[in-house]
């Protein structure tokens, strides 16, 4: 399998090169040059399969020619062996139609672990035997940072620089990053929003004077390998609810569009996905784009669901590219217009293509709280604010009652204890495996959201390209 850029002019890469590189040299995002498909028989064969076996079946076409299936199995067994639940991503039934897919049983209690535990092992494998020193730069709205840091802390050949918006992540999210004192980990709190942090990371890749000095890579969902790993749990859940004979809908609390794009890829691979519900908070650029065609960025509003406080959704470019007949030049022009004006209109073809699979909803703070309360009082489940947004959107989506609707439970409620307690009266306890989190020493730098300041900090601590 080879990988191409959404903007059409970057070199075509193999899987290992795309994984180590992250963002494409032309500013685009890498995608496989074709979507592999699984037959109905192959999907049926996944019934009763372990998560590791499912992962190998789903991901092997994307790693073909670079990682042999038996080696992929060993990597997956190692990555998911650290999860606290034997099913890795178990399903929980809420009522006759609605289910939760619990994605938070990894070491940092968030869905990002599903991909990043594997990505850390892939980095290590691809760097083995070389003198290459990777400089990983990332931006996080809360969960990516802690999951990436856990996966990469202490690994040879990798330095990590993680930017987060100061004061805009929960105390648990922050401490899961800043209490990791490994010498290759560098946390940076910026005076700005997640969008500012994400823009700084993209600028580092897109500035030749800086990028040429280091071997840069990414752990954000701009890295294709991250999205690839997230496709697996759509298959894992759907076959347990009757696929391929029975279509299944998914509701996804969404900020950067990576998690729900993985669902789109699952559908392209042959999984019978009835509907992908894109659930946003009041930072609703994706809801506006999908419902009216208006993709225009506003000002970020801080909320109790901070991982979704985003106005520029990087992975949306991948969908626009695919819905435009994979025309790299057209995508490059469309994104250049957006980057210049922070606004663009979707084409008729893009709107029609998206409407065939996606719907969307905007969930405000009151309805988010009601979602948490309903789950607690009527289903006995304590859920976090992001999951509550997905559940609220799922419950008012109006889908036929014979279609099971799976809400992706993206974070453990203990990561957002105050918000959960305000909505339900119940304060979730922190799992024992991170129980001493508030007794650990913190270490991080606080810097302006300035390209000059951030790059100077990185350049002083990163290993230059050999």
Protein backbone atom coordinates (compact mmCIF):
# COMPACT_ATOMS: atom_id res chain seq x y z
CA UNK A 1 0.00 0.00 0.00
CA UNK A 2 1.25 3.48 -0.91
CA UNK A 3 0.23 6.81 0.56
CA UNK A 4 -0.65 10.06 -1.22
CA UNK A 5 -1.16 13.63 -0.01
CA UNK A 6 -4.54 15.35 -0.06
CA UNK A 7 -2.86 18.29 -1.82
CA UNK A 8 -1.37 16.24 -4.60
CA UNK A 9 2.28 17.29 -4.88
CA UNK A 10 4.10 15.61 -1.98
CA UNK A 11 6.04 12.41 -2.70
CA UNK A 12 4.13 9.13 -2.62
CA UNK A 13 5.27 7.19 0.48
CA UNK A 14 5.25 3.71 1.93
CA UNK A 15 3.46 3.06 5.22
CA UNK A 16 6.58 3.37 7.36
CA UNK A 17 7.60 6.64 5.72
CA UNK A 18 4.10 8.10 6.08
CA UNK A 19 4.03 7.07 9.75
CA UNK A 20 7.37 8.65 10.59
CA UNK A 21 6.64 11.76 8.55
CA UNK A 22 3.18 12.75 9.74
CA UNK A 23 2.23 15.86 7.77
CA UNK A 24 2.95 15.85 4.03
CA UNK A 25 5.56 18.22 2.64
CA UNK A 26 2.94 20.12 0.61
CA UNK A 27 0.90 20.85 3.74
CA UNK A 28 -1.58 18.07 3.03
CA UNK A 29 -2.44 14.88 4.92
CA UNK A 30 -1.52 11.39 3.84
CA UNK A 31 -4.12 8.80 2.86
CA UNK A 32 -3.82 5.35 1.31
CA UNK A 33 -3.95 5.57 -2.48
CA UNK A 34 -7.01 3.28 -2.46
CA UNK A 35 -9.47 1.99 0.12
CA UNK A 36 -9.05 -1.75 0.74
CA UNK A 37 -12.28 -3.69 1.24
CA UNK A 38 -13.36 -6.66 3.32
CA UNK A 39 -15.99 -9.02 1.93
CA UNK A 40 -19.14 -9.88 3.86
CA UNK A 41 -17.58 -13.27 4.57
CA UNK A 42 -14.42 -11.70 5.97
CA UNK A 43 -16.48 -9.41 8.21
CA UNK A 44 -18.63 -12.33 9.39
CA UNK A 45 -15.43 -14.22 10.29
CA UNK A 46 -14.63 -11.50 12.83
CA UNK A 47 -17.51 -12.60 15.08
CA UNK A 48 -16.00 -13.92 18.26
CA UNK A 49 -12.53 -12.80 17.24
CA UNK A 50 -10.35 -11.14 19.86
CA UNK A 51 -9.57 -7.45 19.56
CA UNK A 52 -6.03 -8.28 18.46
CA UNK A 53 -7.26 -10.64 15.74
CA UNK A 54 -9.75 -8.02 14.57
CA UNK A 55 -7.00 -5.40 14.50
CA UNK A 56 -4.77 -7.58 12.33
CA UNK A 57 -7.58 -8.32 9.86
CA UNK A 58 -8.54 -4.65 9.53
CA UNK A 59 -5.06 -3.08 9.49
CA UNK A 60 -3.05 -5.63 7.47
CA UNK A 61 -4.09 -4.17 4.09
CA UNK A 62 -2.73 -0.76 5.15
CA UNK A 63 0.62 -2.12 6.33
CA UNK A 64 1.05 -4.57 3.44
CA UNK A 65 4.58 -4.68 2.12
CA UNK A 66 6.04 -3.12 5.28
CA UNK A 67 4.84 -5.22 8.24
CA UNK A 68 4.10 -8.94 7.93
CA UNK A 69 0.79 -10.05 9.52
CA UNK A 70 2.55 -12.08 12.24
CA UNK A 71 4.66 -9.04 13.19
CA UNK A 72 1.55 -6.84 13.20
CA UNK A 73 -0.11 -9.34 15.53
CA UNK A 74 2.83 -9.17 17.95
CA UNK A 75 2.73 -5.35 17.95
CA UNK A 76 -1.03 -5.33 18.61
CA UNK A 77 -0.73 -7.90 21.38
CA UNK A 78 1.88 -5.71 23.07
CA UNK A 79 -0.08 -2.48 22.57
CA UNK A 80 -3.40 -3.80 23.85
CA UNK A 81 -1.94 -5.94 26.59
CA UNK A 82 -1.76 -2.78 28.72
CA UNK A 83 -5.53 -2.23 28.63
CA UNK A 84 -7.52 -2.82 31.80
CA UNK A 85 -10.38 -4.71 30.10
CA UNK A 86 -9.97 -8.02 28.30
CA UNK A 87 -12.22 -6.88 25.45
CA UNK A 88 -10.05 -3.74 25.03
CA UNK A 89 -13.08 -1.72 23.79
CA UNK A 90 -16.16 -3.32 25.41
CA UNK A 91 -19.78 -2.54 24.53
CA UNK A 92 -22.27 -1.55 27.24
CA UNK A 93 -26.02 -1.56 26.58
CA UNK A 94 -28.02 1.49 27.74
CA UNK A 95 -31.52 0.65 26.48
CA UNK A 96 -33.18 -1.23 23.63
CA UNK A 97 -31.41 0.81 20.94
CA UNK A 98 -28.45 2.62 22.46
CA UNK A 99 -25.00 1.32 23.36
CA UNK A 100 -21.73 2.74 24.62
CA UNK A 101 -18.41 1.66 23.15
CA UNK A 102 -15.97 2.17 26.02
CA UNK A 103 -12.68 3.36 24.56
CA UNK A 104 -11.08 4.49 27.81
CA UNK A 105 -9.56 1.33 29.27
CA UNK A 106 -6.03 2.21 28.19
CA UNK A 107 -3.30 3.61 30.46
CA UNK A 108 -4.37 7.28 30.19
CA UNK A 109 -8.15 6.67 30.29
CA UNK A 110 -8.99 8.04 26.83
CA UNK A 111 -9.67 6.71 23.34
CA UNK A 112 -6.37 8.12 22.10
CA UNK A 113 -4.61 5.20 23.83
CA UNK A 114 -6.10 2.76 21.30
CA UNK A 115 -4.04 4.36 18.54
CA UNK A 116 -1.09 5.83 20.37
CA UNK A 117 -0.01 2.70 22.22
CA UNK A 118 0.41 1.13 18.78
CA UNK A 119 1.96 4.24 17.22
CA UNK A 120 4.69 4.31 19.87
CA UNK A 121 5.64 0.74 18.98
CA UNK A 122 5.59 1.56 15.26
CA UNK A 123 7.96 4.48 15.81
CA UNK A 124 10.30 2.22 17.75
CA UNK A 125 10.18 -0.48 15.07
CA UNK A 126 10.82 1.89 12.17
CA UNK A 127 13.68 3.68 13.96
CA UNK A 128 15.42 0.49 15.10
CA UNK A 129 18.95 0.13 13.77
CA UNK A 130 19.18 3.70 12.49
CA UNK A 131 20.86 6.75 13.97
CA UNK A 132 17.80 8.85 13.19
CA UNK A 133 16.45 10.98 16.07
CA UNK A 134 12.77 11.78 15.66
CA UNK A 135 11.42 15.12 16.90
CA UNK A 136 7.73 14.61 17.59
CA UNK A 137 5.73 17.84 17.82
CA UNK A 138 2.08 17.77 18.80
CA UNK A 139 -0.84 19.87 19.92
CA UNK A 140 -3.45 18.58 22.33
CA UNK A 141 -6.83 19.71 23.53
CA UNK A 142 -6.42 17.30 26.43
CA UNK A 143 -6.18 13.59 25.67
CA UNK A 144 -3.76 13.24 22.75
CA UNK A 145 -0.94 14.70 24.81
CA UNK A 146 -1.19 12.31 27.73
CA UNK A 147 -1.68 9.27 25.49
CA UNK A 148 1.29 10.17 23.29
CA UNK A 149 3.50 10.92 26.26
CA UNK A 150 2.65 7.61 27.91
CA UNK A 151 3.38 5.75 24.66
CA UNK A 152 6.68 7.53 23.93
CA UNK A 153 8.20 8.36 27.32
CA UNK A 154 11.71 6.94 27.59
CA UNK A 155 11.74 5.48 24.08
CA UNK A 156 15.08 5.70 22.30
CA UNK A 157 15.32 7.88 19.23
CA UNK A 158 12.34 10.10 20.03
CA UNK A 159 12.01 13.57 21.57
CA UNK A 160 8.47 14.77 22.26
CA UNK A 161 7.29 18.40 22.39
CA UNK A 162 3.61 18.64 23.32
CA UNK A 163 1.69 21.93 23.26
CA UNK A 164 -1.51 22.39 25.26
CA UNK A 165 -3.67 25.49 25.82
CA UNK A 166 -2.94 26.82 29.30
CA UNK A 167 -5.92 26.56 31.64
CA UNK A 168 -8.13 24.92 29.02
CA UNK A 169 -7.65 21.25 29.87
CA UNK A 170 -8.89 19.47 32.99
CA UNK A 171 -6.63 19.05 35.99
CA UNK A 172 -6.41 15.30 35.38
CA UNK A 173 -5.59 15.78 31.70
CA UNK A 174 -2.86 18.30 32.52
CA UNK A 175 -1.26 16.21 35.24
CA UNK A 176 -1.24 13.10 33.07
CA UNK A 177 1.11 15.04 30.80
CA UNK A 178 3.11 17.22 33.14
CA UNK A 179 3.95 14.60 35.78
CA UNK A 180 5.82 12.44 33.25
CA UNK A 181 9.43 13.47 33.93
CA UNK A 182 11.20 11.34 31.32
CA UNK A 183 14.07 13.34 29.77
CA UNK A 184 12.68 12.99 26.23
CA UNK A 185 9.33 14.58 27.17
CA UNK A 186 8.79 18.36 26.96
CA UNK A 187 5.41 19.85 27.88
CA UNK A 188 4.58 23.39 26.77
CA UNK A 189 1.55 25.34 28.01
CA UNK A 190 0.77 28.09 25.52
CA UNK A 191 -1.15 31.29 26.19
CA UNK A 192 -3.82 30.56 23.60
CA UNK A 193 -6.36 28.02 22.33
CA UNK A 194 -5.96 24.52 20.91
CA UNK A 195 -6.39 25.98 17.43
CA UNK A 196 -3.39 28.24 18.15
CA UNK A 197 -1.37 25.20 19.25
CA UNK A 198 -2.40 23.20 16.19
CA UNK A 199 -1.51 26.10 13.89
CA UNK A 200 1.94 26.34 15.48
CA UNK A 201 2.56 22.63 14.92
CA UNK A 202 1.51 22.88 11.27
CA UNK A 203 3.73 25.95 10.83
CA UNK A 204 6.72 24.01 12.13
CA UNK A 205 6.20 21.37 9.44
CA UNK A 206 5.55 23.95 6.74
CA UNK A 207 8.54 26.22 7.44
CA UNK A 208 11.52 24.75 5.55
CA UNK A 209 14.09 26.75 7.56
CA UNK A 210 12.89 25.01 10.72
CA UNK A 211 11.66 21.65 9.43
CA UNK A 212 14.90 21.10 7.51
CA UNK A 213 16.92 21.16 10.73
CA UNK A 214 15.07 18.28 12.41
CA UNK A 215 13.39 14.99 11.52
CA UNK A 216 9.88 16.05 12.42
CA UNK A 217 6.97 13.70 13.04
CA UNK A 218 3.46 13.98 14.41
CA UNK A 219 1.25 12.12 16.85
CA UNK A 220 -1.88 14.16 16.25
CA UNK A 221 -4.51 12.57 14.07
CA UNK A 222 -2.81 14.19 11.08
CA UNK A 223 -0.68 11.01 11.32
CA UNK A 224 -2.40 8.35 9.21
CA UNK A 225 -1.29 5.46 11.44
CA UNK A 226 -3.36 6.92 14.27
CA UNK A 227 -6.53 6.90 12.22
CA UNK A 228 -5.79 3.43 10.89
CA UNK A 229 -5.76 2.02 14.43
CA UNK A 230 -9.09 3.69 15.20
CA UNK A 231 -10.88 1.97 12.30
CA UNK A 232 -10.61 -1.31 14.19
CA UNK A 233 -13.10 -0.61 16.94
CA UNK A 234 -15.88 0.22 14.46
CA UNK A 235 -15.57 -3.30 13.07
CA UNK A 236 -15.19 -4.81 16.54
CA UNK A 237 -18.42 -3.20 17.77
CA UNK A 238 -20.49 -3.67 14.63
CA UNK A 239 -19.92 -7.42 14.27
CA UNK A 240 -21.08 -7.87 17.86
CA UNK A 241 -24.34 -6.14 16.97
CA UNK A 242 -25.09 -8.17 13.86
CA UNK A 243 -22.91 -6.85 11.04
CA UNK A 244 -22.62 -7.47 8.16
CA UNK A 245 -26.30 -8.52 7.96
CA UNK A 246 -27.38 -5.67 10.22
CA UNK A 247 -26.34 -2.02 9.70
CA UNK A 248 -25.11 -0.13 12.76
CA UNK A 249 -25.03 3.64 13.42
CA UNK A 250 -22.34 5.44 15.40
CA UNK A 251 -22.47 8.75 17.26
CA UNK A 252 -19.07 10.35 17.68
CA UNK A 253 -18.24 13.33 19.90
CA UNK A 254 -16.05 15.24 17.52
CA UNK A 255 -13.52 18.05 17.54
CA UNK A 256 -10.72 17.37 15.05
CA UNK A 257 -12.76 14.92 12.92
CA UNK A 258 -10.21 12.10 13.21
CA UNK A 259 -12.29 9.61 15.19
CA UNK A 260 -15.36 9.95 12.99
CA UNK A 261 -13.24 9.87 9.81
CA UNK A 262 -12.04 6.44 10.95
CA UNK A 263 -15.72 5.42 10.87
CA UNK A 264 -15.97 6.76 7.32
CA UNK A 265 -13.01 4.59 6.33
CA UNK A 266 -14.67 1.56 7.95
CA UNK A 267 -17.71 2.20 5.77
CA UNK A 268 -15.51 2.53 2.67
CA UNK A 269 -13.96 -0.83 3.59
CA UNK A 270 -17.36 -2.51 3.49
CA UNK A 271 -18.71 -2.22 7.04
CA UNK A 272 -22.49 -1.57 6.87
CA UNK A 273 -22.58 1.80 8.68
CA UNK A 274 -26.14 3.13 8.70
CA UNK A 275 -25.17 6.62 9.83
CA UNK A 276 -22.24 8.53 11.33
CA UNK A 277 -23.55 11.20 13.70
CA UNK A 278 -21.07 14.04 14.14
CA UNK A 279 -21.75 15.44 17.61
CA UNK A 280 -20.22 18.83 18.41
CA UNK A 281 -20.42 21.20 21.35
CA UNK A 282 -21.03 24.93 20.83
CA UNK A 283 -17.76 25.11 18.86
CA UNK A 284 -19.81 23.83 15.97
CA UNK A 285 -17.85 24.38 12.76
CA UNK A 286 -18.35 20.75 11.72
CA UNK A 287 -22.10 20.84 12.38
CA UNK A 288 -22.41 24.00 10.30
CA UNK A 289 -20.29 22.52 7.52
CA UNK A 290 -22.29 19.31 7.30
CA UNK A 291 -25.73 20.86 7.76
CA UNK A 292 -25.35 24.05 5.68
CA UNK A 293 -22.05 23.78 3.81
CA UNK A 294 -20.56 26.67 5.81
CA UNK A 295 -17.04 25.79 6.99
CA UNK A 296 -16.04 29.02 8.70
CA UNK A 297 -13.99 29.33 11.87
CA UNK A 298 -15.13 31.53 14.72
CA UNK A 299 -13.67 32.20 18.15
CA UNK A 300 -13.13 29.18 20.39
CA UNK A 301 -15.55 29.09 23.33
CA UNK A 302 -14.13 27.25 26.37
CA UNK A 303 -16.53 24.55 27.60
CA UNK A 304 -16.72 21.59 29.99
CA UNK A 305 -15.84 19.36 27.03
CA UNK A 306 -12.41 20.86 26.31
CA UNK A 307 -11.21 18.19 23.89
CA UNK A 308 -13.88 19.48 21.48
CA UNK A 309 -13.09 23.18 21.86
CA UNK A 310 -11.81 23.41 18.31
CA UNK A 311 -12.73 25.64 15.37
CA UNK A 312 -10.37 24.20 12.75
CA UNK A 313 -10.74 20.44 12.25
CA UNK A 314 -7.63 19.16 10.51
CA UNK A 315 -8.98 15.80 9.41
CA UNK A 316 -11.95 17.32 7.61
CA UNK A 317 -9.53 17.92 4.73
CA UNK A 318 -9.25 14.17 4.24
CA UNK A 319 -13.01 13.88 3.78
CA UNK A 320 -13.18 16.84 1.42
CA UNK A 321 -10.40 15.30 -0.69
CA UNK A 322 -12.14 11.94 -0.91
CA UNK A 323 -15.51 13.53 -1.72
CA UNK A 324 -13.90 15.62 -4.48
CA UNK A 325 -12.78 12.64 -6.50
CA UNK A 326 -9.33 12.78 -4.86
CA UNK A 327 -8.40 15.89 -6.81
CA UNK A 328 -5.30 17.14 -4.99
CA UNK A 329 -5.09 20.43 -6.87
CA UNK A 330 -8.72 21.27 -6.11
CA UNK A 331 -8.26 20.37 -2.42
CA UNK A 332 -5.09 22.46 -2.20
CA UNK A 333 -6.90 25.46 -3.68
CA UNK A 334 -9.89 24.99 -1.39
CA UNK A 335 -7.72 24.73 1.73
CA UNK A 336 -5.54 27.67 0.67
CA UNK A 337 -8.71 29.75 0.47
CA UNK A 338 -9.76 28.62 3.92
CA UNK A 339 -6.35 29.32 5.41
CA UNK A 340 -6.41 32.83 3.95
CA UNK A 341 -9.99 33.73 4.91
CA UNK A 342 -10.80 31.19 7.68
CA UNK A 343 -13.98 30.44 5.77
CA UNK A 344 -15.07 28.40 2.78
CA UNK A 345 -18.16 26.81 1.31
CA UNK A 346 -18.39 23.10 0.59
CA UNK A 347 -19.08 22.21 -3.04
CA UNK A 348 -22.36 20.59 -4.04
CA UNK A 349 -20.54 17.31 -4.60
CA UNK A 350 -18.96 17.45 -1.15
CA UNK A 351 -22.28 18.23 0.54
CA UNK A 352 -24.10 15.45 -1.30
CA UNK A 353 -21.37 12.93 -0.64
CA UNK A 354 -21.25 13.75 3.06
CA UNK A 355 -25.04 13.65 3.44
CA UNK A 356 -25.11 10.06 2.21
CA UNK A 357 -23.42 8.90 5.42
CA UNK A 358 -23.09 11.79 7.89
CA UNK A 359 -25.54 13.77 9.97
CA UNK A 360 -24.62 16.21 12.70
CA UNK A 361 -25.90 17.92 15.82
CA UNK A 362 -24.84 20.76 18.10
CA UNK A 363 -25.20 20.00 21.80
CA UNK A 364 -25.10 22.91 24.24
CA UNK A 365 -24.09 22.79 27.91
CA UNK A 366 -27.62 22.12 29.20
CA UNK A 367 -28.22 19.19 26.87
CA UNK A 368 -24.75 17.84 27.65
CA UNK A 369 -25.63 17.83 31.36
CA UNK A 370 -28.98 16.19 30.62
CA UNK A 371 -27.14 13.48 28.68
CA UNK A 372 -24.94 12.72 31.70
CA UNK A 373 -27.96 12.71 33.99
CA UNK A 374 -29.99 10.39 31.76
CA UNK A 375 -27.14 7.89 31.50
CA UNK A 376 -26.74 7.90 35.29
CA UNK A 377 -30.37 7.81 36.35
CA UNK A 378 -31.86 5.53 33.68
CA UNK A 379 -28.95 3.33 32.63
CA UNK A 380 -26.71 3.33 35.72
CA UNK A 381 -23.73 4.65 33.75
CA UNK A 382 -21.47 7.55 34.69
CA UNK A 383 -20.15 9.16 31.51
CA UNK A 384 -17.87 12.10 30.79
CA UNK A 385 -19.00 15.37 29.11
CA UNK A 386 -17.69 14.43 25.64
CA UNK A 387 -19.48 11.09 25.69
CA UNK A 388 -22.61 12.87 26.92
CA UNK A 389 -22.54 15.09 23.83
CA UNK A 390 -22.35 12.02 21.62
CA UNK A 391 -25.17 10.33 23.53
CA UNK A 392 -27.41 13.41 23.44
CA UNK A 393 -26.96 13.61 19.66
CA UNK A 394 -27.60 9.87 19.30
CA UNK A 395 -30.84 9.99 21.30
CA UNK A 396 -32.32 12.76 19.17
CA UNK A 397 -31.06 11.49 15.80
CA UNK A 398 -34.41 9.87 14.98
CA UNK A 399 -33.01 6.67 13.52
CA UNK A 400 -35.24 3.64 12.94
CA UNK A 401 -35.60 1.57 16.10
CA UNK A 402 -34.17 -1.57 14.49
CA UNK A 403 -30.83 0.17 13.95
CA UNK A 404 -28.51 -0.10 16.97
CA UNK A 405 -26.82 3.21 17.76
CA UNK A 406 -23.35 3.08 19.33
CA UNK A 407 -22.03 6.19 21.08
CA UNK A 408 -18.27 6.29 21.35
CA UNK A 409 -17.37 6.77 25.03
CA UNK A 410 -14.14 8.63 24.49
CA UNK A 411 -12.87 9.30 28.03
CA UNK A 412 -13.18 7.94 31.55
CA UNK A 413 -15.48 10.19 33.63
CA UNK A 414 -12.73 10.57 36.25
CA UNK A 415 -10.90 12.86 33.84
CA UNK A 416 -13.72 15.40 34.25
CA UNK A 417 -14.79 14.88 37.84
CA UNK A 418 -16.15 18.37 38.50
CA UNK A 419 -18.37 18.49 35.43
CA UNK A 420 -19.71 14.98 36.07
CA UNK A 421 -20.47 15.76 39.70
CA UNK A 422 -22.31 18.98 38.80
CA UNK A 423 -24.55 17.10 36.37
CA UNK A 424 -25.18 13.88 38.30
CA UNK A 425 -24.30 14.45 41.95
CA UNK A 426 -21.86 11.53 41.70
CA UNK A 427 -18.11 12.19 41.77
CA UNK A 428 -16.25 9.53 39.78
CA UNK A 429 -13.24 8.03 41.47
CA UNK A 430 -9.84 7.95 39.81
CA UNK A 431 -8.83 4.38 38.86
CA UNK A 432 -6.18 2.88 41.08
CA UNK A 433 -3.63 2.71 38.27
CA UNK A 434 -3.34 6.52 38.27
CA UNK A 435 -4.49 7.05 41.87
CA UNK A 436 -1.40 8.97 42.99
CA UNK A 437 -1.66 11.46 40.11
CA UNK A 438 -2.17 14.48 42.38
CA UNK A 439 0.85 13.64 44.50
CA UNK A 440 3.31 13.62 41.58
CA UNK A 441 5.64 16.47 40.68
CA UNK A 442 4.71 18.55 37.62
CA UNK A 443 7.11 19.94 35.02
CA UNK A 444 6.22 22.14 32.06
CA UNK A 445 7.12 25.41 30.35
CA UNK A 446 4.71 28.29 29.79
CA UNK A 447 5.25 30.21 26.55
CA UNK A 448 3.40 32.72 24.36
CA UNK A 449 1.56 31.32 21.33
CA UNK A 450 4.39 32.66 19.18
CA UNK A 451 6.15 30.74 16.42
CA UNK A 452 9.47 32.36 17.32
CA UNK A 453 9.20 31.45 21.01
CA UNK A 454 8.02 27.88 20.41
CA UNK A 455 10.61 27.06 17.75
CA UNK A 456 13.41 28.56 19.82
CA UNK A 457 12.39 26.34 22.75
CA UNK A 458 12.26 23.23 20.55
CA UNK A 459 15.52 24.01 18.73
CA UNK A 460 17.38 24.38 22.02
CA UNK A 461 16.33 20.90 23.19
CA UNK A 462 15.82 18.76 20.07
CA UNK A 463 18.48 16.75 18.27
CA UNK A 464 19.25 18.21 14.81
CA UNK A 465 19.00 16.06 11.70
CA UNK A 466 22.22 14.10 11.13
